[in-house]
C-alpha atoms as a PDB file:
ATOM      1  CA  MET A   1      -1.779  -9.153 -12.309  1.00  0.00           C
ATOM      2  CA  THR A   2      -1.562 -12.356 -10.388  1.00  0.00           C
ATOM      3  CA  ARG A   3      -2.266 -15.906 -11.299  1.00  0.00           C
ATOM      4  CA  LEU A   4      -2.767 -16.935  -7.728  1.00  0.00           C
ATOM      5  CA  ARG A   5      -6.129 -18.294  -6.793  1.00  0.00           C
ATOM      6  CA  THR A   6      -8.046 -18.151  -3.561  1.00  0.00           C
ATOM      7  CA  ARG A   7      -7.566 -21.120  -1.296  1.00  0.00           C
ATOM      8  CA  HIS A   8     -10.204 -22.715   0.898  1.00  0.00           C
ATOM      9  CA  LEU A   9      -8.781 -24.456   3.943  1.00  0.00           C
ATOM     10  CA  SER A  10     -10.114 -27.938   4.519  1.00  0.00           C
ATOM     11  CA  ILE A  11     -12.873 -28.697   6.951  1.00  0.00           C
ATOM     12  CA  ALA A  12     -10.360 -30.917   8.734  1.00  0.00           C
ATOM     13  CA  ALA A  13      -8.610 -27.766   9.877  1.00  0.00           C
ATOM     14  CA  ILE A  14     -11.898 -26.642  11.342  1.00  0.00           C
ATOM     15  CA  ALA A  15     -12.175 -29.793  13.367  1.00  0.00           C
ATOM     16  CA  LEU A  16      -8.649 -29.513  14.636  1.00  0.00           C
ATOM     17  CA  LEU A  17      -9.219 -25.978  15.818  1.00  0.00           C
ATOM     18  CA  GLY A  18     -12.176 -27.296  17.779  1.00  0.00           C
ATOM     19  CA  ALA A  19      -9.843 -29.809  19.416  1.00  0.00           C
ATOM     20  CA  LEU A  20      -7.407 -27.014  20.215  1.00  0.00           C
ATOM     21  CA  GLY A  21      -9.762 -25.144  22.426  1.00  0.00           C
ATOM     22  CA  LEU A  22     -12.163 -23.104  20.314  1.00  0.00           C
ATOM     23  CA  ALA A  23     -15.103 -25.090  21.573  1.00  0.00           C
ATOM     24  CA  GLY A  24     -15.687 -22.464  24.210  1.00  0.00           C
ATOM     25  CA  GLN A  25     -16.505 -19.902  21.565  1.00  0.00           C
ATOM     26  CA  ALA A  26     -19.211 -22.121  20.126  1.00  0.00           C
ATOM     27  CA  ALA A  27     -20.646 -22.649  23.599  1.00  0.00           C
ATOM     28  CA  ALA A  28     -20.643 -18.921  24.227  1.00  0.00           C
ATOM     29  CA  GLN A  29     -22.555 -18.331  21.001  1.00  0.00           C
ATOM     30  CA  SER A  30     -25.136 -20.963  21.897  1.00  0.00           C
ATOM     31  CA  GLU A  31     -25.759 -19.066  25.123  1.00  0.00           C
ATOM     32  CA  GLY A  32     -26.310 -15.833  23.245  1.00  0.00           C
ATOM     33  CA  THR A  33     -22.839 -14.356  23.791  1.00  0.00           C
ATOM     34  CA  ALA A  34     -21.363 -12.774  20.695  1.00  0.00           C
ATOM     35  CA  PRO A  35     -18.041 -14.291  19.591  1.00  0.00           C
ATOM     36  CA  ARG A  36     -14.930 -12.159  19.605  1.00  0.00           C
ATOM     37  CA  SER A  37     -14.244 -10.036  16.557  1.00  0.00           C
ATOM     38  CA  GLY A  38     -12.253 -11.783  13.839  1.00  0.00           C
ATOM     39  CA  THR A  39     -13.087 -15.352  14.954  1.00  0.00           C
ATOM     40  CA  GLN A  40     -15.481 -17.969  13.637  1.00  0.00           C
ATOM     41  CA  THR A  41     -17.371 -20.325  15.899  1.00  0.00           C
ATOM     42  CA  LEU A  42     -17.584 -24.069  15.352  1.00  0.00           C
ATOM     43  CA  THR A  43     -20.660 -26.218  15.042  1.00  0.00           C
ATOM     44  CA  LYS A  44     -21.181 -29.251  17.247  1.00  0.00           C
ATOM     45  CA  GLU A  45     -20.779 -31.498  14.185  1.00  0.00           C
ATOM     46  CA  GLU A  46     -17.403 -29.962  13.404  1.00  0.00           C
ATOM     47  CA  MET A  47     -16.151 -30.399  16.955  1.00  0.00           C
ATOM     48  CA  LEU A  48     -17.235 -34.058  17.016  1.00  0.00           C
ATOM     49  CA  ARG A  49     -15.575 -34.949  13.724  1.00  0.00           C
ATOM     50  CA  PRO A  50     -13.837 -38.378  14.093  1.00  0.00           C
ATOM     51  CA  GLN A  51     -10.173 -38.231  15.134  1.00  0.00           C
ATOM     52  CA  GLU A  52      -9.075 -40.327  12.131  1.00  0.00           C
ATOM     53  CA  GLU A  53     -10.360 -37.620   9.808  1.00  0.00           C
ATOM     54  CA  LEU A  54      -8.167 -34.928  11.330  1.00  0.00           C
ATOM     55  CA  GLU A  55      -5.638 -34.547   8.547  1.00  0.00           C
ATOM     56  CA  THR A  56      -4.532 -30.974   9.154  1.00  0.00           C
ATOM     57  CA  PHE A  57      -1.929 -30.324  11.878  1.00  0.00           C
ATOM     58  CA  PRO A  58      -1.576 -27.031  13.778  1.00  0.00           C
ATOM     59  CA  TYR A  59       1.460 -25.922  11.781  1.00  0.00           C
ATOM     60  CA  LYS A  60      -0.728 -25.808   8.667  1.00  0.00           C
ATOM     61  CA  LEU A  61      -2.866 -23.195  10.369  1.00  0.00           C
ATOM     62  CA  VAL A  62       0.124 -20.982  11.147  1.00  0.00           C
ATOM     63  CA  ASP A  63       1.905 -21.490   7.813  1.00  0.00           C
ATOM     64  CA  TYR A  64       0.870 -18.084   6.519  1.00  0.00           C
ATOM     65  CA  THR A  65       1.543 -16.036   9.659  1.00  0.00           C
ATOM     66  CA  ALA A  66       4.428 -13.616  10.114  1.00  0.00           C
ATOM     67  CA  GLU A  67       6.113 -15.986  12.591  1.00  0.00           C
ATOM     68  CA  ALA A  68       6.085 -18.857  10.084  1.00  0.00           C
ATOM     69  CA  HIS A  69       7.443 -16.655   7.290  1.00  0.00           C
ATOM     70  CA  GLU A  70      10.237 -15.340   9.511  1.00  0.00           C
ATOM     71  CA  THR A  71      11.185 -18.839  10.690  1.00  0.00           C
ATOM     72  CA  ARG A  72      11.386 -20.150   7.121  1.00  0.00           C
ATOM     73  CA  THR A  73      13.541 -17.192   6.140  1.00  0.00           C
ATOM     74  CA  ARG A  74      15.957 -17.572   9.048  1.00  0.00           C
ATOM     75  CA  ASN A  75      16.344 -21.331   8.547  1.00  0.00           C
ATOM     76  CA  ALA A  76      16.821 -21.350   4.761  1.00  0.00           C
ATOM     77  CA  PRO A  77      20.487 -22.015   3.897  1.00  0.00           C
ATOM     78  CA  VAL A  78      20.145 -20.376   0.456  1.00  0.00           C
ATOM     79  CA  ILE A  79      18.001 -17.355  -0.435  1.00  0.00           C
ATOM     80  CA  ALA A  80      17.959 -16.031  -3.990  1.00  0.00           C
ATOM     81  CA  VAL A  81      16.064 -13.744  -6.356  1.00  0.00           C
ATOM     82  CA  GLY A  82      15.966 -14.398 -10.078  1.00  0.00           C
ATOM     83  CA  VAL A  83      14.080 -15.506 -13.170  1.00  0.00           C
ATOM     84  CA  ILE A  84      13.143 -19.111 -13.950  1.00  0.00           C
ATOM     85  CA  GLU A  85      14.973 -20.220 -17.105  1.00  0.00           C
ATOM     86  CA  SER A  86      13.353 -23.644 -17.279  1.00  0.00           C
ATOM     87  CA  CYS A  87      11.167 -25.929 -15.188  1.00  0.00           C
ATOM     88  CA  GLU A  88      10.759 -29.456 -16.481  1.00  0.00           C
ATOM     89  CA  GLU A  89       9.698 -32.858 -15.243  1.00  0.00           C
ATOM     90  CA  ILE A  90      12.559 -35.269 -14.577  1.00  0.00           C
ATOM     91  CA  GLU A  91      11.952 -38.540 -16.399  1.00  0.00           C
ATOM     92  CA  GLY A  92      12.901 -41.915 -14.991  1.00  0.00           C
ATOM     93  CA  THR A  93      13.027 -40.893 -11.322  1.00  0.00           C
ATOM     94  CA  GLU A  94      11.079 -42.442  -8.497  1.00  0.00           C
ATOM     95  CA  LYS A  95      11.761 -39.562  -6.098  1.00  0.00           C
ATOM     96  CA  ASP A  96       8.878 -37.288  -5.211  1.00  0.00           C
ATOM     97  CA  ARG A  97      10.617 -34.046  -6.140  1.00  0.00           C
ATOM     98  CA  ASN A  98      10.446 -35.031  -9.787  1.00  0.00           C
ATOM     99  CA  TRP A  99      10.785 -31.575 -11.351  1.00  0.00           C
ATOM    100  CA  GLY A 100      13.975 -29.610 -11.898  1.00  0.00           C
ATOM    101  CA  ALA A 101      14.354 -25.865 -12.443  1.00  0.00           C
ATOM    102  CA  TRP A 102      17.146 -23.495 -13.382  1.00  0.00           C
ATOM    103  CA  LEU A 103      17.122 -20.009 -11.886  1.00  0.00           C
ATOM    104  CA  ARG A 104      18.961 -17.142 -13.562  1.00  0.00           C
ATOM    105  CA  VAL A 105      20.229 -15.327 -10.493  1.00  0.00           C
ATOM    106  CA  GLU A 106      19.742 -11.615  -9.929  1.00  0.00           C
ATOM    107  CA  THR A 107      20.958 -11.587  -6.322  1.00  0.00           C
ATOM    108  CA  ILE A 108      21.802 -14.080  -3.580  1.00  0.00           C
ATOM    109  CA  LEU A 109      20.983 -12.864  -0.089  1.00  0.00           C
ATOM    110  CA  LYS A 110      22.236 -15.954   1.746  1.00  0.00           C
ATOM    111  CA  SER A 111      24.517 -18.785   0.663  1.00  0.00           C
ATOM    112  CA  ASP A 112      25.820 -21.971   2.226  1.00  0.00           C
ATOM    113  CA  ARG A 113      28.934 -22.550   0.109  1.00  0.00           C
ATOM    114  CA  ALA A 114      32.032 -20.547  -0.633  1.00  0.00           C
ATOM    115  CA  GLY A 115      31.797 -18.651  -3.914  1.00  0.00           C
ATOM    116  CA  GLN A 116      28.076 -19.266  -4.294  1.00  0.00           C
ATOM    117  CA  GLU A 117      27.406 -15.519  -4.087  1.00  0.00           C
ATOM    118  CA  GLN A 118      28.986 -15.131  -7.535  1.00  0.00           C
ATOM    119  CA  ALA A 119      26.877 -17.840  -9.177  1.00  0.00           C
ATOM    120  CA  ASP A 120      24.787 -16.684 -12.119  1.00  0.00           C
ATOM    121  CA  ARG A 121      22.564 -19.785 -12.203  1.00  0.00           C
ATOM    122  CA  LEU A 122      21.150 -22.165  -9.572  1.00  0.00           C
ATOM    123  CA  TYR A 123      19.553 -25.552 -10.096  1.00  0.00           C
ATOM    124  CA  PHE A 124      16.959 -26.924  -7.668  1.00  0.00           C
ATOM    125  CA  ARG A 125      14.444 -29.755  -7.476  1.00  0.00           C
ATOM    126  CA  LEU A 126      10.820 -29.342  -6.514  1.00  0.00           C
ATOM    127  CA  ARG A 127       7.355 -30.798  -6.482  1.00  0.00           C
ATOM    128  CA  PRO A 128       4.712 -29.142  -8.688  1.00  0.00           C
ATOM    129  CA  LEU A 129       3.137 -26.306  -6.725  1.00  0.00           C
ATOM    130  CA  SER A 130      -0.357 -26.931  -5.402  1.00  0.00           C
ATOM    131  CA  PRO A 131      -3.211 -24.382  -5.481  1.00  0.00           C
ATOM    132  CA  PRO A 132      -3.587 -21.529  -4.768  1.00  0.00           C
ATOM    133  CA  TYR A 133      -0.092 -21.221  -6.267  1.00  0.00           C
ATOM    134  CA  ALA A 134       0.115 -21.183 -10.058  1.00  0.00           C
ATOM    135  CA  PRO A 135       2.542 -23.602 -11.755  1.00  0.00           C
ATOM    136  CA  ILE A 136       6.103 -22.341 -12.144  1.00  0.00           C
ATOM    137  CA  ALA A 137       6.967 -21.508 -15.746  1.00  0.00           C
ATOM    138  CA  ALA A 138       9.960 -20.209 -17.666  1.00  0.00           C
ATOM    139  CA  GLY A 139      10.139 -16.439 -17.418  1.00  0.00           C
ATOM    140  CA  ASP A 140       8.643 -16.232 -13.928  1.00  0.00           C
ATOM    141  CA  ARG A 141      10.481 -13.895 -11.586  1.00  0.00           C
ATOM    142  CA  CYS A 142      10.603 -15.067  -7.977  1.00  0.00           C
ATOM    143  CA  PHE A 143      12.128 -14.943  -4.500  1.00  0.00           C
ATOM    144  CA  LEU A 144      13.205 -18.416  -3.289  1.00  0.00           C
ATOM    145  CA  LEU A 145      14.014 -19.971   0.089  1.00  0.00           C
ATOM    146  CA  LEU A 146      16.011 -23.099  -0.784  1.00  0.00           C
ATOM    147  CA  ASP A 147      17.219 -26.000   1.349  1.00  0.00           C
ATOM    148  CA  ARG A 148      19.498 -28.985   0.787  1.00  0.00           C
ATOM    149  CA  ASP A 149      18.409 -32.615   0.959  1.00  0.00           C
ATOM    150  CA  LEU A 150      20.749 -35.607   1.261  1.00  0.00           C
ATOM    151  CA  ARG A 151      18.158 -37.760  -0.490  1.00  0.00           C
ATOM    152  CA  TYR A 152      19.057 -35.817  -3.625  1.00  0.00           C
ATOM    153  CA  ASP A 153      22.848 -35.907  -3.150  1.00  0.00           C
ATOM    154  CA  ASN A 154      22.586 -32.781  -0.998  1.00  0.00           C
ATOM    155  CA  ALA A 155      21.222 -30.807  -3.944  1.00  0.00           C
ATOM    156  CA  LEU A 156      19.163 -27.653  -3.538  1.00  0.00           C
ATOM    157  CA  ILE A 157      15.419 -28.188  -3.210  1.00  0.00           C
ATOM    158  CA  LEU A 158      12.317 -26.045  -2.849  1.00  0.00           C
ATOM    159  CA  PRO A 159      10.855 -27.546   0.378  1.00  0.00           C
ATOM    160  CA  THR A 160       7.248 -26.365  -0.091  1.00  0.00           C
ATOM    161  CA  GLU A 161       5.277 -23.882  -2.150  1.00  0.00           C
ATOM    162  CA  MET A 162       5.419 -21.519   0.842  1.00  0.00           C
ATOM    163  CA  HIS A 163       9.161 -21.138   0.182  1.00  0.00           C
ATOM    164  CA  TYR A 164       8.300 -19.652  -3.237  1.00  0.00           C
ATOM    165  CA  TYR A 165       7.331 -15.980  -3.591  1.00  0.00           C
ATOM    166  CA  PRO A 166       6.259 -14.808  -7.096  1.00  0.00           C
ATOM    167  CA  ILE A 167       7.309 -11.321  -8.203  1.00  0.00           C
ATOM    168  CA  SER A 168       4.940  -9.505 -10.543  1.00  0.00           C
ATOM    169  CA  ARG A 169       5.968  -7.495 -13.594  1.00  0.00           C
ATOM    170  CA  GLU A 170       5.424  -4.366 -11.504  1.00  0.00           C
ATOM    171  CA  GLY A 171       8.091  -5.558  -9.023  1.00  0.00           C
ATOM    172  CA  MET A 172       5.696  -6.578  -6.250  1.00  0.00           C
ATOM    173  CA  VAL A 173       6.393  -9.669  -4.147  1.00  0.00           C
ATOM    174  CA  GLN A 174       3.222 -11.671  -3.599  1.00  0.00           C
ATOM    175  CA  LYS A 175       2.736 -13.772  -0.474  1.00  0.00           C
ATOM    176  CA  PHE A 176      -0.175 -15.392   1.281  1.00  0.00           C
ATOM    177  CA  TRP A 177      -0.800 -13.867   4.676  1.00  0.00           C
ATOM    178  CA  LYS A 178      -2.770 -14.497   7.865  1.00  0.00           C
ATOM    179  CA  GLU A 179      -2.770 -12.241  10.894  1.00  0.00           C
ATOM    180  CA  ALA A 180      -3.466 -15.190  13.210  1.00  0.00           C
ATOM    181  CA  PRO A 181      -3.563 -19.022  12.943  1.00  0.00           C
ATOM    182  CA  THR A 182      -7.312 -19.250  12.415  1.00  0.00           C
ATOM    183  CA  ARG A 183      -9.382 -21.133   9.855  1.00  0.00           C
ATOM    184  CA  GLU A 184      -9.964 -17.970   7.808  1.00  0.00           C
ATOM    185  CA  GLU A 185      -8.450 -18.325   4.361  1.00  0.00           C
ATOM    186  CA  PRO A 186      -5.220 -16.372   3.778  1.00  0.00           C
ATOM    187  CA  ILE A 187      -5.156 -13.157   1.823  1.00  0.00           C
ATOM    188  CA  ILE A 188      -2.634 -12.108  -0.806  1.00  0.00           C
ATOM    189  CA  ARG A 189      -0.340  -9.363   0.420  1.00  0.00           C
ATOM    190  CA  GLU A 190       1.874  -7.488  -2.022  1.00  0.00           C
ATOM    191  CA  VAL A 191       5.102  -5.786  -0.994  1.00  0.00           C
ATOM    192  CA  ALA A 192       7.551  -3.832  -3.134  1.00  0.00           C
ATOM    193  CA  LEU A 193      10.611  -5.978  -3.859  1.00  0.00           C
ATOM    194  CA  SER A 194      13.006  -3.389  -2.443  1.00  0.00           C
ATOM    195  CA  THR A 195      11.052  -3.314   0.832  1.00  0.00           C
ATOM    196  CA  PHE A 196      10.815  -7.111   0.955  1.00  0.00           C
ATOM    197  CA  LEU A 197      14.570  -7.497   0.452  1.00  0.00           C
ATOM    198  CA  GLU A 198      15.319  -4.999   3.204  1.00  0.00           C
ATOM    199  CA  GLU A 199      12.976  -6.853   5.572  1.00  0.00           C
ATOM    200  CA  THR A 200      14.739 -10.107   4.671  1.00  0.00           C
ATOM    201  CA  ARG A 201      18.200  -8.652   5.309  1.00  0.00           C
ATOM    202  CA  THR A 202      16.999  -7.456   8.702  1.00  0.00           C
ATOM    203  CA  LEU A 203      15.715 -10.953   9.554  1.00  0.00           C
ATOM    204  CA  LEU A 204      19.024 -12.483   8.502  1.00  0.00           C
ATOM    205  CA  ARG A 205      21.028 -10.302  10.815  1.00  0.00           C
ATOM    206  CA  GLN A 206      22.864 -12.596  13.199  1.00  0.00           C
ATOM    207  CA  VAL A 207      20.921 -12.850  16.446  1.00  0.00           C
ATOM    208  CA  SER A 208      23.315 -12.581  19.362  1.00  0.00           C
ATOM    209  CA  LEU A 209      23.350 -14.944  22.328  1.00  0.00           C
ATOM    210  CA  GLU A 210      22.518 -11.983  24.542  1.00  0.00           C
ATOM    211  CA  GLU A 211      19.362 -11.195  22.556  1.00  0.00           C
ATOM    212  CA  GLN A 212      18.238 -14.806  22.748  1.00  0.00           C
ATOM    213  CA  ALA A 213      18.991 -15.052  26.481  1.00  0.00           C
ATOM    214  CA  ARG A 214      16.951 -11.931  27.212  1.00  0.00           C
ATOM    215  CA  GLN A 215      14.031 -12.755  24.887  1.00  0.00           C
ATOM    216  CA  SER A 216      13.641 -16.512  25.404  1.00  0.00           C
ATOM    217  CA  GLY A 217      11.526 -17.947  28.194  1.00  0.00           C
ATOM    218  CA  LEU A 218      13.867 -20.892  28.647  1.00  0.00           C
ATOM    219  CA  VAL A 219      17.676 -20.959  28.841  1.00  0.00           C
ATOM    220  CA  ARG A 220      19.181 -24.291  29.915  1.00  0.00           C
ATOM    221  CA  ILE A 221      22.175 -26.553  29.508  1.00  0.00           C
ATOM    222  CA  GLY A 222      21.513 -30.268  29.526  1.00  0.00           C
ATOM    223  CA  THR A 223      22.060 -33.666  27.938  1.00  0.00           C
ATOM    224  CA  VAL A 224      20.008 -35.024  25.040  1.00  0.00           C
ATOM    225  CA  THR A 225      18.331 -38.240  26.152  1.00  0.00           C
ATOM    226  CA  GLU A 226      16.376 -38.829  22.945  1.00  0.00           C
ATOM    227  CA  SER A 227      16.137 -37.364  19.442  1.00  0.00           C
ATOM    228  CA  LYS A 228      13.548 -38.906  17.159  1.00  0.00           C
ATOM    229  CA  GLN A 229      11.064 -38.444  14.380  1.00  0.00           C
ATOM    230  CA  GLY A 230       7.376 -38.622  15.181  1.00  0.00           C
ATOM    231  CA  THR A 231       5.297 -41.598  14.081  1.00  0.00           C
ATOM    232  CA  GLU A 232       2.136 -41.990  12.029  1.00  0.00           C
ATOM    233  CA  GLY A 233       0.264 -38.680  11.927  1.00  0.00           C
ATOM    234  CA  ALA A 234       3.168 -36.824  13.560  1.00  0.00           C
ATOM    235  CA  ALA A 235       5.821 -37.883  11.029  1.00  0.00           C
ATOM    236  CA  ASP A 236       6.498 -34.247  10.089  1.00  0.00           C
ATOM    237  CA  TYR A 237       7.619 -33.482  13.636  1.00  0.00           C
ATOM    238  CA  TYR A 238      10.952 -34.100  15.337  1.00  0.00           C
ATOM    239  CA  TYR A 239      11.361 -34.329  19.089  1.00  0.00           C
ATOM    240  CA  VAL A 240      14.434 -33.629  21.187  1.00  0.00           C
ATOM    241  CA  GLN A 241      14.241 -34.584  24.849  1.00  0.00           C
ATOM    242  CA  ILE A 242      16.790 -32.947  27.166  1.00  0.00           C
ATOM    243  CA  LYS A 243      17.601 -33.604  30.799  1.00  0.00           C
ATOM    244  CA  PRO A 244      18.517 -30.217  32.348  1.00  0.00           C
ATOM    245  CA  GLU A 245      21.916 -29.886  33.962  1.00  0.00           C
ATOM    246  CA  LYS A 246      22.014 -26.145  34.610  1.00  0.00           C
ATOM    247  CA  VAL A 247      19.051 -23.754  34.458  1.00  0.00           C
ATOM    248  CA  PHE A 248      19.664 -20.077  33.763  1.00  0.00           C
ATOM    249  CA  LYS A 249      16.076 -19.097  33.032  1.00  0.00           C
ATOM    250  CA  GLY A 250      12.635 -20.724  33.151  1.00  0.00           C
ATOM    251  CA  GLN A 251      10.847 -22.923  35.651  1.00  0.00           C
ATOM    252  CA  PRO A 252      11.384 -26.704  35.267  1.00  0.00           C
ATOM    253  CA  ASP A 253       8.314 -28.670  34.109  1.00  0.00           C
ATOM    254  CA  GLY A 254       9.796 -32.007  35.161  1.00  0.00           C
ATOM    255  CA  ASP A 255      12.910 -34.123  34.964  1.00  0.00           C
ATOM    256  CA  THR A 256      13.170 -33.552  31.210  1.00  0.00           C
ATOM    257  CA  ILE A 257      12.007 -30.997  28.655  1.00  0.00           C
ATOM    258  CA  THR A 258      10.979 -31.708  25.083  1.00  0.00           C
ATOM    259  CA  PHE A 259      11.555 -29.521  22.039  1.00  0.00           C
ATOM    260  CA  ILE A 260       9.433 -30.009  18.933  1.00  0.00           C
ATOM    261  CA  GLN A 261      10.074 -28.776  15.417  1.00  0.00           C
ATOM    262  CA  ARG A 262       9.582 -29.657  11.805  1.00  0.00           C
ATOM    263  CA  GLY A 263      12.689 -30.700   9.985  1.00  0.00           C
ATOM    264  CA  ASN A 264      14.506 -32.777   7.428  1.00  0.00           C
ATOM    265  CA  PRO A 265      14.966 -36.313   8.812  1.00  0.00           C
ATOM    266  CA  TYR A 266      18.159 -36.810   6.842  1.00  0.00           C
ATOM    267  CA  ARG A 267      19.640 -33.709   8.398  1.00  0.00           C
ATOM    268  CA  TRP A 268      18.951 -35.260  11.794  1.00  0.00           C
ATOM    269  CA  THR A 269      20.242 -38.706  10.851  1.00  0.00           C
ATOM    270  CA  VAL A 270      23.588 -38.057   9.175  1.00  0.00           C
ATOM    271  CA  GLN A 271      25.255 -36.374  12.124  1.00  0.00           C
ATOM    272  CA  ALA A 272      28.770 -36.566  10.688  1.00  0.00           C
ATOM    273  CA  LEU A 273      27.816 -34.421   7.719  1.00  0.00           C
ATOM    274  CA  ASN A 274      25.628 -31.905   9.456  1.00  0.00           C
ATOM    275  CA  ARG A 275      25.871 -31.118  13.153  1.00  0.00           C
ATOM    276  CA  ALA A 276      22.725 -29.010  13.040  1.00  0.00           C
ATOM    277  CA  GLY A 277      20.986 -32.104  14.412  1.00  0.00           C
ATOM    278  CA  PHE A 278      21.032 -33.733  17.845  1.00  0.00           C
ATOM    279  CA  LYS A 279      21.775 -37.230  19.050  1.00  0.00           C
ATOM    280  CA  ALA A 280      21.459 -38.914  22.430  1.00  0.00           C
ATOM    281  CA  GLY A 281      24.360 -38.007  24.697  1.00  0.00           C
ATOM    282  CA  ASP A 282      24.956 -34.526  23.259  1.00  0.00           C
ATOM    283  CA  ARG A 283      25.424 -31.776  25.842  1.00  0.00           C
ATOM    284  CA  VAL A 284      23.685 -28.668  24.596  1.00  0.00           C
ATOM    285  CA  LEU A 285      22.715 -25.122  25.465  1.00  0.00           C
ATOM    286  CA  CYS A 286      19.145 -24.443  24.349  1.00  0.00           C
ATOM    287  CA  PHE A 287      17.090 -21.269  24.095  1.00  0.00           C
ATOM    288  CA  GLY A 288      13.374 -22.003  23.896  1.00  0.00           C
ATOM    289  CA  ASN A 289       9.806 -20.818  24.249  1.00  0.00           C
ATOM    290  CA  LYS A 290       6.812 -22.942  25.153  1.00  0.00           C
ATOM    291  CA  ASP A 291       4.575 -23.528  22.128  1.00  0.00           C
ATOM    292  CA  PRO A 292       1.001 -22.914  23.366  1.00  0.00           C
ATOM    293  CA  THR A 293      -0.620 -24.696  20.414  1.00  0.00           C
ATOM    294  CA  LEU A 294       1.518 -27.819  20.240  1.00  0.00           C
ATOM    295  CA  SER A 295       1.489 -28.157  24.040  1.00  0.00           C
ATOM    296  CA  LYS A 296      -2.185 -29.092  23.825  1.00  0.00           C
ATOM    297  CA  PRO A 297      -3.286 -32.712  23.296  1.00  0.00           C
ATOM    298  CA  GLY A 298      -3.221 -33.930  19.715  1.00  0.00           C
ATOM    299  CA  THR A 299      -1.747 -36.508  17.356  1.00  0.00           C
ATOM    300  CA  TRP A 300       1.606 -34.778  17.750  1.00  0.00           C
ATOM    301  CA  ASN A 301       1.308 -34.726  21.576  1.00  0.00           C
ATOM    302  CA  PRO A 302      -0.962 -37.506  22.915  1.00  0.00           C
ATOM    303  CA  LYS A 303      -0.373 -36.685  26.594  1.00  0.00           C
ATOM    304  CA  GLY A 304      -0.669 -32.907  26.253  1.00  0.00           C
ATOM    305  CA  GLU A 305       2.816 -32.387  27.675  1.00  0.00           C
ATOM    306  CA  PRO A 306       4.573 -28.994  27.573  1.00  0.00           C
ATOM    307  CA  LEU A 307       6.487 -28.709  24.283  1.00  0.00           C
ATOM    308  CA  TYR A 308       9.072 -26.073  23.452  1.00  0.00           C
ATOM    309  CA  ALA A 309      10.147 -24.526  20.169  1.00  0.00           C
ATOM    310  CA  PHE A 310      13.486 -23.078  19.107  1.00  0.00           C
ATOM    311  CA  PRO A 311      12.695 -19.392  18.387  1.00  0.00           C
ATOM    312  CA  TYR A 312      15.585 -18.969  15.929  1.00  0.00           C
ATOM    313  CA  GLY A 313      15.852 -22.488  14.548  1.00  0.00           C
ATOM    314  CA  LYS A 314      19.429 -23.731  14.285  1.00  0.00           C
ATOM    315  CA  ALA A 315      20.747 -20.564  15.938  1.00  0.00           C
ATOM    316  CA  SER A 316      18.912 -21.378  19.177  1.00  0.00           C
ATOM    317  CA  SER A 317      21.313 -24.055  20.400  1.00  0.00           C
ATOM    318  CA  LEU A 318      25.007 -24.674  20.975  1.00  0.00           C
ATOM    319  CA  PHE A 319      26.862 -27.935  21.488  1.00  0.00           C
ATOM    320  CA  ILE A 320      28.812 -28.080  24.737  1.00  0.00           C
ATOM    321  CA  ALA A 321      32.303 -29.602  24.544  1.00  0.00           C
ATOM    322  CA  SER A 322      34.745 -30.060  27.436  1.00  0.00           C
ATOM    323  CA  THR A 323      35.871 -26.416  27.493  1.00  0.00           C
ATOM    324  CA  THR A 324      33.913 -24.611  24.763  1.00  0.00           C
ATOM    325  CA  ALA A 325      30.444 -24.165  23.285  1.00  0.00           C
ATOM    326  CA  TRP A 326      30.112 -24.287  19.499  1.00  0.00           C
ATOM    327  CA  ARG A 327      28.002 -24.916  16.422  1.00  0.00           C
ATOM    328  CA  ARG A 328      28.766 -24.843  12.731  1.00  0.00           C
ATOM    329  CA  GLY A 329      29.513 -21.312  11.563  1.00  0.00           C
ATOM    330  CA  PHE A 330      29.861 -20.031  15.151  1.00  0.00           C
ATOM    331  CA  GLN A 331      33.102 -18.946  16.786  1.00  0.00           C
ATOM    332  CA  PRO A 332      33.630 -21.308  19.777  1.00  0.00           C
ATOM    333  CA  ILE A 333      33.295 -19.572  23.131  1.00  0.00           C
ATOM    334  CA  PRO A 334      34.983 -20.745  26.389  1.00  0.00           C
ATOM    335  CA  LEU A 335      32.461 -22.274  28.793  1.00  0.00           C
ATOM    336  CA  GLU A 336      33.602 -20.164  31.732  1.00  0.00           C
ATOM    337  CA  GLU A 337      32.990 -17.000  29.724  1.00  0.00           C
ATOM    338  CA  LEU A 338      29.650 -18.297  28.386  1.00  0.00           C
ATOM    339  CA  TYR A 339      28.345 -19.195  31.858  1.00  0.00           C
ATOM    340  CA  ALA A 340      29.283 -15.777  33.238  1.00  0.00           C
ATOM    341  CA  GLN A 341      27.527 -14.014  30.361  1.00  0.00           C
ATOM    342  CA  LEU A 342      24.375 -16.123  30.668  1.00  0.00           C
ATOM    343  CA  GLU A 343      24.208 -15.424  34.402  1.00  0.00           C
ATOM    344  CA  ARG A 344      24.427 -11.701  33.702  1.00  0.00           C
ATOM    345  CA  TRP A 345      21.957 -11.673  30.796  1.00  0.00           C
ATOM    346  CA  THR A 346      19.311 -13.707  32.655  1.00  0.00           C
ATOM    347  CA  LYS A 347      19.655 -12.058  36.042  1.00  0.00           C
ATOM    348  CA  VAL A 348      16.320 -10.784  37.318  1.00  0.00           C
ATOM    349  CA  THR A 349      16.622  -7.211  38.525  1.00  0.00           C
ATOM    350  CA  PRO A 350      14.278  -6.052  41.329  1.00  0.00           C
END
């Protein structure tokens, strides 16, 4: 029924998990204490694997979890269901997404352009899918989370294979799944398409500022002092450093706080075309939660400093102007009204 194959995570992921604090489990086992259910202990050799061989970052361990799936869904500008009409290699291009595909649309759940909901076909670029995903072929039915990339004239792209969900002939959506970000290989979970679409529509419901204020561990207004892409092994990460001006919720960790996320560098660079990004000098309202994994020492965080994540991606921040707070697709709100609401939503009741 499925052409998907089982995937074995690399031993580099094992080593990284050792660096992220699972060494204690191995020590406990060596002393005769049974490890916790559902975990695997690490050998001394795995924990001492050379740093230069650590090729797997923490986000690769969480890629198949519910949180990762929900984040990808919320952040995708275009979400569609349909049948692949063609998928062919693009000749004469030096760009890495060197395949192009046409999708015959059945339904569009989310669009980023006026009139796109009525489109009967969508074109997108992609890289060939890597195992355990089977190659995309004409006739395949699928659920897609698409993004736009300025490197391809702002065309639609399939960011990774994890943004592609095959649909079987029986109408079951197939996705890889992990209950927790461990080294255990993911399993294939099948969900009826109707159920999957309803879950997606629920995720896409606009999250209110009140919900974010009540659920986030950090609510602050401040000024961006730095916005940059990581270097070397952390090139997939983007860092936004903010100097707090007004704190509504959360204890300060220092003079500045740093948010970390994966993102499209071109979306962060071309500010005039897409104000979803940040630049130094921006005044912003940010909702955040401390990321317990990325706050530990690693290639992405050499000093082991506290790092925060945006729980709802682009929806977890607002730009602060002289009298209003705003972002693209959001009705501007007067600052006086916003401050009063945030004070009320974050007030600690005895």
